[in-house]
N, C-alpha and C. Protein backbone atom coordinates (compact mmCIF):
# COMPACT_ATOMS: atom_id res chain seq x y z
N MET A 1 79.38 88.95 85.52
CA MET A 1 80.20 88.31 84.61
C MET A 1 80.33 88.74 83.39
N PHE A 2 81.64 89.14 83.08
CA PHE A 2 82.16 90.14 82.19
C PHE A 2 81.91 89.51 80.48
N ASP A 3 81.21 89.78 79.83
CA ASP A 3 81.07 89.61 78.36
C ASP A 3 82.41 90.25 77.49
N ASN A 4 83.18 88.96 76.86
CA ASN A 4 84.30 89.31 76.09
C ASN A 4 83.71 89.49 74.84
N LYS A 5 83.01 88.99 74.38
CA LYS A 5 82.23 89.01 73.08
C LYS A 5 82.73 89.59 71.98
N PRO A 6 82.39 90.95 72.61
CA PRO A 6 83.08 92.26 71.54
C PRO A 6 84.61 92.39 71.28
N ILE A 7 85.39 91.66 72.01
CA ILE A 7 86.44 91.94 72.01
C ILE A 7 86.66 90.93 71.07
N PHE A 8 86.31 89.76 71.04
CA PHE A 8 86.61 88.81 70.10
C PHE A 8 86.21 88.99 68.55
N ASP A 9 84.60 89.63 68.85
CA ASP A 9 84.17 89.75 67.70
C ASP A 9 85.02 91.20 67.04
N MET A 10 85.74 91.99 67.84
CA MET A 10 86.55 93.09 67.03
C MET A 10 87.66 92.56 66.25
N LEU A 11 88.23 91.58 66.97
CA LEU A 11 89.42 90.82 66.71
C LEU A 11 89.19 90.52 65.25
N ASP A 12 87.99 89.45 65.33
CA ASP A 12 87.87 89.37 64.09
C ASP A 12 87.22 89.72 62.79
N GLN A 13 86.67 90.61 63.35
CA GLN A 13 86.23 92.09 62.08
C GLN A 13 87.43 92.38 62.05
N LEU A 14 88.96 92.50 62.62
CA LEU A 14 89.88 93.04 62.15
C LEU A 14 90.66 92.41 61.40
N LYS A 15 90.57 90.75 61.58
CA LYS A 15 91.25 89.94 61.03
C LYS A 15 92.89 89.81 61.64
N VAL A 16 92.47 90.10 62.48
CA VAL A 16 93.79 90.04 64.01
C VAL A 16 93.75 88.28 64.38
N ASP A 17 95.37 87.61 63.67
CA ASP A 17 95.68 86.85 64.17
C ASP A 17 95.95 86.49 65.55
N TYR A 18 95.02 85.85 66.33
CA TYR A 18 95.55 85.31 68.17
C TYR A 18 95.78 84.17 67.80
N ARG A 19 96.29 83.69 69.15
CA ARG A 19 95.94 81.95 69.77
C ARG A 19 95.40 82.42 70.92
N LEU A 20 94.28 81.33 71.17
CA LEU A 20 93.45 81.65 72.75
C LEU A 20 93.93 80.25 73.38
N LEU A 21 93.99 80.48 74.81
CA LEU A 21 94.48 79.42 75.63
C LEU A 21 93.41 79.77 76.52
N ARG A 22 92.55 78.57 76.91
CA ARG A 22 91.66 78.56 78.28
C ARG A 22 92.13 78.01 79.30
N HIS A 23 92.24 78.35 80.59
CA HIS A 23 92.90 77.88 81.49
C HIS A 23 92.54 77.97 82.86
N GLU A 24 92.68 77.79 84.35
CA GLU A 24 92.36 77.77 85.53
C GLU A 24 92.48 79.57 85.64
N ASP A 25 92.05 79.93 86.36
CA ASP A 25 91.87 81.76 86.83
C ASP A 25 93.55 81.69 86.99
N VAL A 26 94.04 82.95 86.93
CA VAL A 26 95.36 83.11 87.38
C VAL A 26 94.98 84.58 88.37
N HIS A 27 96.12 84.68 88.94
CA HIS A 27 96.07 85.91 89.88
C HIS A 27 97.53 86.21 90.18
N THR A 28 98.06 86.12 89.93
CA THR A 28 99.64 86.43 90.26
C THR A 28 100.51 86.28 88.43
N MET A 29 101.29 87.41 88.58
CA MET A 29 102.23 87.11 87.43
C MET A 29 103.21 85.72 87.26
N GLU A 30 103.72 85.17 88.58
CA GLU A 30 103.67 83.83 88.90
C GLU A 30 103.21 82.88 88.35
N ASP A 31 102.07 82.85 88.16
CA ASP A 31 101.14 81.79 87.75
C ASP A 31 100.79 81.95 86.42
N LEU A 32 101.39 83.05 85.48
CA LEU A 32 101.40 83.30 84.13
C LEU A 32 102.62 82.39 83.09
N ALA A 33 103.99 82.01 84.05
CA ALA A 33 104.74 81.15 83.35
C ALA A 33 104.32 79.90 82.49
N PRO A 34 103.35 79.21 83.10
CA PRO A 34 103.40 77.98 81.96
C PRO A 34 102.36 78.46 80.65
N ILE A 35 101.42 79.44 80.86
CA ILE A 35 100.99 80.09 80.16
C ILE A 35 101.84 80.54 78.96
N GLU A 36 102.66 81.52 79.33
CA GLU A 36 103.91 82.01 78.43
C GLU A 36 104.48 81.45 77.30
N GLU A 37 105.03 80.25 78.28
CA GLU A 37 105.37 78.91 77.62
C GLU A 37 104.77 77.98 76.64
N LYS A 38 103.50 78.08 76.65
CA LYS A 38 102.49 77.42 75.90
C LYS A 38 101.97 78.59 74.89
N LEU A 39 101.74 79.93 75.02
CA LEU A 39 101.25 80.52 73.81
C LEU A 39 103.02 81.10 72.94
N GLY A 40 103.95 80.82 73.53
CA GLY A 40 105.34 81.43 73.19
C GLY A 40 105.28 82.87 73.21
N ALA A 41 104.63 83.46 74.17
CA ALA A 41 104.95 84.76 74.43
C ALA A 41 105.05 85.53 75.80
N PRO A 42 105.49 86.75 76.17
CA PRO A 42 104.91 86.98 77.54
C PRO A 42 103.85 88.31 77.98
N PHE A 43 103.62 88.32 79.00
CA PHE A 43 102.50 88.92 79.54
C PHE A 43 103.29 90.10 79.83
N PHE A 44 102.45 91.50 79.96
CA PHE A 44 102.87 92.46 80.38
C PHE A 44 101.81 93.00 81.37
N ARG A 45 102.30 93.60 82.74
CA ARG A 45 101.60 94.55 83.11
C ARG A 45 100.62 95.40 83.03
N ASN A 46 99.14 95.05 83.36
CA ASN A 46 98.40 96.48 83.00
C ASN A 46 97.93 96.99 84.12
N LEU A 47 98.59 98.09 84.67
CA LEU A 47 97.96 99.22 86.13
C LEU A 47 97.13 99.75 85.68
N PHE A 48 96.19 99.94 86.47
CA PHE A 48 94.97 101.02 86.71
C PHE A 48 95.50 101.91 87.59
N LEU A 49 95.71 103.27 86.83
CA LEU A 49 96.38 104.32 87.88
C LEU A 49 95.17 105.70 87.93
N CYS A 50 95.65 106.25 88.92
CA CYS A 50 94.55 107.46 89.06
C CYS A 50 95.53 108.86 89.55
N ASN A 51 95.22 110.08 89.13
CA ASN A 51 95.56 110.89 89.58
C ASN A 51 95.36 111.07 91.07
N ARG A 52 95.91 111.77 91.62
CA ARG A 52 95.26 112.24 93.44
C ARG A 52 93.65 112.65 93.57
N GLN A 53 93.43 113.25 92.79
CA GLN A 53 91.87 114.37 93.02
C GLN A 53 90.79 112.97 92.14
N LYS A 54 91.52 111.82 91.72
CA LYS A 54 90.66 110.58 91.09
C LYS A 54 89.66 111.01 90.05
N THR A 55 90.65 112.32 89.05
CA THR A 55 89.69 112.69 87.86
C THR A 55 90.41 112.23 86.65
N GLN A 56 91.17 111.83 86.70
CA GLN A 56 91.91 111.45 85.42
C GLN A 56 92.60 109.61 85.98
N TYR A 57 92.21 109.32 84.96
CA TYR A 57 92.88 107.54 84.80
C TYR A 57 93.64 107.33 83.68
N TYR A 58 94.27 106.26 83.95
CA TYR A 58 95.43 105.70 83.09
C TYR A 58 95.55 104.33 83.26
N LEU A 59 95.83 103.80 82.38
CA LEU A 59 95.80 102.23 81.86
C LEU A 59 97.62 102.07 81.42
N MET A 60 98.31 101.73 82.34
CA MET A 60 99.51 101.90 82.13
C MET A 60 100.59 100.26 81.89
N LEU A 61 100.91 99.77 80.61
CA LEU A 61 101.46 98.66 79.84
C LEU A 61 103.10 98.81 80.32
N ILE A 62 103.35 97.52 81.30
CA ILE A 62 104.63 97.22 81.35
C ILE A 62 105.18 95.93 81.19
N ILE A 63 106.62 96.08 81.39
CA ILE A 63 107.16 94.47 80.97
C ILE A 63 106.70 93.78 82.54
N GLY A 64 106.45 92.82 82.25
CA GLY A 64 105.60 92.09 83.84
C GLY A 64 106.94 91.79 84.93
N ASP A 65 108.69 91.83 84.40
CA ASP A 65 109.08 91.83 85.69
C ASP A 65 109.93 92.96 85.49
N LYS A 66 109.65 94.04 85.00
CA LYS A 66 110.74 95.32 85.35
C LYS A 66 109.78 96.15 86.31
N PRO A 67 110.50 96.80 87.13
CA PRO A 67 110.11 97.56 88.44
C PRO A 67 109.56 98.61 88.17
N PHE A 68 108.34 99.08 89.07
CA PHE A 68 107.31 100.10 88.46
C PHE A 68 107.41 100.84 89.85
N ARG A 69 107.48 102.47 89.42
CA ARG A 69 107.47 103.34 90.63
C ARG A 69 106.64 104.44 90.14
N THR A 70 105.40 104.58 90.55
CA THR A 70 104.66 105.38 90.78
C THR A 70 105.46 107.22 90.57
N ALA A 71 106.26 106.91 91.38
CA ALA A 71 106.60 108.30 91.27
C ALA A 71 107.52 108.72 89.84
N GLU A 72 108.27 107.51 89.71
CA GLU A 72 108.99 108.18 88.46
C GLU A 72 107.86 108.08 86.96
N VAL A 73 106.69 107.11 86.85
CA VAL A 73 105.72 107.41 85.95
C VAL A 73 104.84 109.14 86.05
N SER A 74 104.84 109.19 87.64
CA SER A 74 103.87 110.26 87.43
C SER A 74 104.71 111.50 86.97
N LYS A 75 106.23 111.55 87.14
CA LYS A 75 107.22 112.52 86.94
C LYS A 75 107.46 112.64 85.09
N LEU A 76 107.46 111.25 84.35
CA LEU A 76 107.22 111.29 82.98
C LEU A 76 106.38 111.59 82.27
N LEU A 77 104.71 111.77 83.23
CA LEU A 77 103.56 111.96 82.86
C LEU A 77 103.40 113.28 82.76
N GLY A 78 104.40 114.08 83.71
CA GLY A 78 103.96 115.39 84.38
C GLY A 78 102.68 115.72 85.43
N VAL A 79 102.39 114.66 86.16
CA VAL A 79 100.93 114.57 87.00
C VAL A 79 101.65 114.43 88.32
N ALA A 80 100.82 115.37 89.10
CA ALA A 80 101.75 115.41 90.55
C ALA A 80 101.99 114.23 91.36
N ARG A 81 100.81 113.22 91.34
CA ARG A 81 100.89 112.17 91.65
C ARG A 81 99.86 111.11 91.82
N LEU A 82 100.31 110.07 91.13
CA LEU A 82 99.51 109.01 90.76
C LEU A 82 99.76 107.78 91.82
N SER A 83 98.43 106.74 91.56
CA SER A 83 98.41 106.00 92.57
C SER A 83 97.68 105.43 91.69
N PHE A 84 97.26 103.97 92.43
CA PHE A 84 96.55 102.54 91.86
C PHE A 84 95.32 103.12 92.10
N GLY A 85 94.19 103.18 91.02
CA GLY A 85 92.33 103.11 91.51
C GLY A 85 92.40 101.82 91.96
N SER A 86 90.93 102.14 92.60
CA SER A 86 90.41 101.30 93.12
C SER A 86 89.62 100.20 92.40
N ALA A 87 89.23 99.36 92.91
CA ALA A 87 88.55 97.88 91.79
C ALA A 87 87.25 98.40 91.61
N GLU A 88 86.33 99.26 92.35
CA GLU A 88 85.48 100.10 92.15
C GLU A 88 85.28 101.04 90.80
N ALA A 89 86.46 101.65 90.81
CA ALA A 89 86.86 102.39 89.55
C ALA A 89 86.97 101.99 88.64
N LEU A 90 87.80 101.03 88.88
CA LEU A 90 87.98 100.20 87.34
C LEU A 90 86.53 99.02 86.94
N GLU A 91 85.86 98.43 87.94
CA GLU A 91 84.58 97.94 87.57
C GLU A 91 83.99 99.41 86.82
N GLU A 92 83.88 100.15 87.15
CA GLU A 92 82.61 101.14 86.48
C GLU A 92 83.16 101.99 85.40
N GLN A 93 84.63 102.03 85.17
CA GLN A 93 85.18 102.66 84.02
C GLN A 93 85.34 101.62 82.70
N LEU A 94 85.44 99.98 83.05
CA LEU A 94 85.83 99.01 82.05
C LEU A 94 85.07 98.08 82.41
N GLY A 95 84.45 97.97 83.62
CA GLY A 95 83.75 96.37 83.45
C GLY A 95 84.09 95.35 83.62
N VAL A 96 85.58 95.43 84.18
CA VAL A 96 86.32 94.56 84.70
C VAL A 96 87.03 94.42 86.14
N HIS A 97 87.48 93.55 86.66
CA HIS A 97 87.70 93.20 87.77
C HIS A 97 89.54 92.83 87.82
N PRO A 98 90.06 93.54 88.57
CA PRO A 98 91.68 93.56 89.26
C PRO A 98 91.72 92.07 88.51
N GLY A 99 93.17 92.02 87.97
CA GLY A 99 93.84 90.76 87.17
C GLY A 99 93.15 90.31 86.06
N ALA A 100 92.11 91.13 85.42
CA ALA A 100 91.37 90.88 84.10
C ALA A 100 91.76 92.42 82.72
N VAL A 101 91.93 93.09 83.99
CA VAL A 101 92.10 94.29 82.66
C VAL A 101 93.51 94.27 81.82
N ASN A 102 93.23 95.06 80.58
CA ASN A 102 93.99 94.80 79.71
C ASN A 102 93.63 95.79 78.37
N PRO A 103 94.98 95.91 77.39
CA PRO A 103 94.41 97.00 76.64
C PRO A 103 93.35 96.88 75.57
N LEU A 104 92.62 95.62 75.75
CA LEU A 104 91.52 95.34 74.70
C LEU A 104 90.40 95.96 75.76
N SER A 105 90.41 96.02 77.30
CA SER A 105 89.27 96.64 77.91
C SER A 105 88.75 98.22 77.41
N LEU A 106 89.61 98.47 76.74
CA LEU A 106 89.56 100.51 76.49
C LEU A 106 88.38 99.98 75.26
N LEU A 107 88.44 99.09 74.58
CA LEU A 107 86.94 98.98 73.90
C LEU A 107 85.65 99.16 74.48
N PHE A 108 85.52 99.39 75.88
CA PHE A 108 84.62 99.79 76.66
C PHE A 108 84.28 101.25 77.26
N ASP A 109 85.43 101.73 77.17
CA ASP A 109 85.58 103.08 77.32
C ASP A 109 84.98 103.88 76.42
N LYS A 110 83.87 104.02 76.07
CA LYS A 110 83.37 105.01 75.27
C LYS A 110 83.43 106.40 74.87
N GLU A 111 83.85 106.82 75.96
CA GLU A 111 84.49 108.30 76.22
C GLU A 111 85.58 108.72 75.95
N LYS A 112 86.40 107.70 76.23
CA LYS A 112 88.01 107.55 76.06
C LYS A 112 88.27 108.80 77.33
N ASP A 113 88.10 108.05 78.39
CA ASP A 113 88.62 108.80 79.53
C ASP A 113 89.44 108.25 80.19
N ILE A 114 89.77 107.05 79.64
CA ILE A 114 91.24 106.66 80.46
C ILE A 114 92.38 107.01 79.29
N CYS A 115 93.58 107.24 79.70
CA CYS A 115 94.66 107.39 79.02
C CYS A 115 95.57 106.32 78.48
N LEU A 116 95.96 105.73 78.08
CA LEU A 116 96.99 104.58 77.40
C LEU A 116 98.36 104.75 77.53
N VAL A 117 99.06 104.30 78.54
CA VAL A 117 100.35 104.56 78.85
C VAL A 117 101.09 103.35 78.38
N ALA A 118 102.37 103.54 77.97
CA ALA A 118 102.91 102.47 77.56
C ALA A 118 104.30 102.55 77.86
N ASP A 119 105.10 101.58 78.09
CA ASP A 119 106.61 101.36 78.47
C ASP A 119 107.07 100.86 76.80
N ARG A 120 107.85 101.71 76.43
CA ARG A 120 108.68 101.59 75.21
C ARG A 120 109.15 100.20 75.32
N ASP A 121 109.78 99.44 76.06
CA ASP A 121 110.64 98.38 76.09
C ASP A 121 109.41 96.92 75.80
N ILE A 122 108.08 97.38 75.64
CA ILE A 122 107.34 96.33 75.32
C ILE A 122 107.38 96.17 73.57
N LEU A 123 107.99 97.31 72.93
CA LEU A 123 108.00 96.82 71.59
C LEU A 123 109.07 96.07 71.11
N LYS A 124 110.23 95.56 72.36
CA LYS A 124 110.82 94.89 71.59
C LYS A 124 110.55 93.51 71.94
N TYR A 125 109.34 92.98 71.87
CA TYR A 125 108.90 91.59 71.59
C TYR A 125 107.90 91.26 70.63
N PRO A 126 108.28 90.26 69.95
CA PRO A 126 107.55 90.15 68.45
C PRO A 126 105.75 90.01 68.49
N GLU A 127 105.79 89.34 69.86
CA GLU A 127 104.05 88.81 70.64
C GLU A 127 103.98 89.40 71.78
N VAL A 128 102.77 89.78 72.17
CA VAL A 128 102.55 89.50 73.67
C VAL A 128 101.26 88.75 74.19
N CYS A 129 100.99 88.54 75.32
CA CYS A 129 99.67 87.87 75.79
C CYS A 129 99.06 88.95 76.73
N MET A 130 97.84 88.54 76.94
CA MET A 130 96.98 89.26 77.68
C MET A 130 95.62 88.35 77.81
N HIS A 131 94.83 89.09 78.66
CA HIS A 131 93.68 88.02 79.29
C HIS A 131 92.71 88.99 78.54
N PRO A 132 91.54 88.22 77.90
CA PRO A 132 90.91 89.05 77.09
C PRO A 132 89.60 89.91 77.91
N GLY A 133 89.73 89.90 79.02
CA GLY A 133 88.90 90.71 79.90
C GLY A 133 88.24 90.06 81.05
N ASP A 134 89.00 88.39 80.83
CA ASP A 134 88.46 87.29 82.02
C ASP A 134 90.21 86.34 82.24
N ASN A 135 90.26 86.17 83.48
CA ASN A 135 91.68 85.57 83.79
C ASN A 135 91.49 84.62 83.71
N GLY A 136 90.87 83.80 82.86
CA GLY A 136 90.58 82.34 82.70
C GLY A 136 90.68 81.86 81.69
N MET A 137 91.19 83.10 80.62
CA MET A 137 91.89 82.55 79.28
C MET A 137 92.66 83.60 78.86
N SER A 138 93.66 83.35 78.10
CA SER A 138 94.52 84.18 77.69
C SER A 138 94.61 84.51 76.13
N ILE A 139 94.91 85.36 75.37
CA ILE A 139 95.64 85.16 74.41
C ILE A 139 97.03 86.16 73.99
N ALA A 140 97.26 85.13 72.63
CA ALA A 140 98.36 85.65 71.97
C ALA A 140 98.35 86.27 70.72
N MET A 141 98.92 87.55 70.71
CA MET A 141 98.97 88.26 68.93
C MET A 141 100.30 88.95 68.95
N LYS A 142 100.40 89.44 67.75
CA LYS A 142 101.44 90.40 67.64
C LYS A 142 101.51 91.68 67.92
N THR A 143 102.47 91.78 68.44
CA THR A 143 102.80 93.39 69.03
C THR A 143 102.32 94.16 68.49
N SER A 144 102.49 94.28 67.15
CA SER A 144 102.30 95.31 66.22
C SER A 144 101.19 95.36 66.04
N ASP A 145 100.03 94.11 66.01
CA ASP A 145 98.50 93.75 65.60
C ASP A 145 97.99 94.26 66.82
N LEU A 146 98.62 94.76 67.94
CA LEU A 146 97.87 95.19 68.91
C LEU A 146 97.90 96.59 69.04
N PHE A 147 98.81 97.18 68.95
CA PHE A 147 99.48 98.75 68.46
C PHE A 147 98.82 99.63 67.59
N ASP A 148 98.99 98.84 66.42
CA ASP A 148 99.01 99.40 64.92
C ASP A 148 97.51 98.72 64.07
N VAL A 149 96.84 98.03 64.58
CA VAL A 149 95.63 97.46 64.32
C VAL A 149 94.38 97.85 65.25
N VAL A 150 94.92 97.01 66.47
CA VAL A 150 93.64 97.08 67.20
C VAL A 150 93.47 98.26 68.09
N LEU A 151 94.40 98.39 68.74
CA LEU A 151 94.06 100.23 69.55
C LEU A 151 94.28 101.35 68.66
N ARG A 152 94.62 101.34 67.35
CA ARG A 152 94.34 102.47 66.40
C ARG A 152 92.66 102.32 65.95
N ARG A 153 92.29 100.97 65.71
CA ARG A 153 90.68 100.95 65.55
C ARG A 153 90.16 101.54 66.34
N MET A 154 90.80 101.59 67.93
CA MET A 154 89.73 102.22 68.84
C MET A 154 89.83 103.53 69.14
N GLY A 155 90.96 103.63 68.38
CA GLY A 155 91.40 105.39 68.26
C GLY A 155 91.87 105.81 69.66
N ARG A 156 93.05 104.77 69.76
CA ARG A 156 93.88 104.71 70.95
C ARG A 156 95.06 104.41 70.80
N THR A 157 96.23 106.18 70.97
CA THR A 157 97.29 105.80 70.48
C THR A 157 98.09 106.24 72.08
N PRO A 158 98.87 105.27 72.25
CA PRO A 158 99.72 105.37 73.92
C PRO A 158 100.56 106.69 73.74
N VAL A 159 100.75 106.78 75.13
CA VAL A 159 101.66 107.76 75.41
C VAL A 159 102.94 107.02 76.22
N TRP A 160 104.04 106.75 75.19
CA TRP A 160 104.93 106.11 75.23
C TRP A 160 105.94 106.42 76.24
N LEU A 161 106.19 105.84 77.42
CA LEU A 161 107.23 106.10 78.28
C LEU A 161 109.17 105.21 78.17
N ASP A 162 109.92 106.22 78.66
CA ASP A 162 111.02 105.31 78.70
C ASP A 162 111.36 104.84 80.23
N VAL A 163 110.72 103.98 80.64
CA VAL A 163 110.43 103.66 82.38
C VAL A 163 111.79 102.90 82.57
N LYS A 164 112.25 103.49 83.86
CA LYS A 164 113.85 103.03 83.91
C LYS A 164 113.84 101.97 84.66
N GLY A 165 112.81 102.18 85.79
CA GLY A 165 112.24 101.04 86.86
C GLY A 165 113.18 101.38 87.99
N GLU A 166 113.85 102.65 88.63
CA GLU A 166 114.48 102.80 89.55
C GLU A 166 113.94 103.77 90.61
């Protein structure tokens, strides 16, 4: 069982305002619609990616309904070929299972081995939702707090991409 107490401790220490909603486990983007409505903010997809050699890992944040093409993101990053990282690698790197990964999970990447990559369109939303390492709960917070307070405190600056989804 994933211990997300360090995530909540960090948010509280940083005095980040967030709204928490406990709910049944969700497994698809379609399951998130009622949660988005209750929290008043959208979810984005968190994609765990790796290079062909499985020596470099990436956490890609992208708007939920935007098409994602590994070829496009590979080209934008200058990486030969990206693919999805395995569930085993995700568990090993961040201690979470598929469906529960989120940028707050990077708190557990002590060596900062995972490169954070984000679609610039996320910044169009004043607030965003995510699972704090458990897909049976969701939190909403200001987008600026996520990137300018929380991730900055973790020493994480995203590589911003203009993903076209083509």
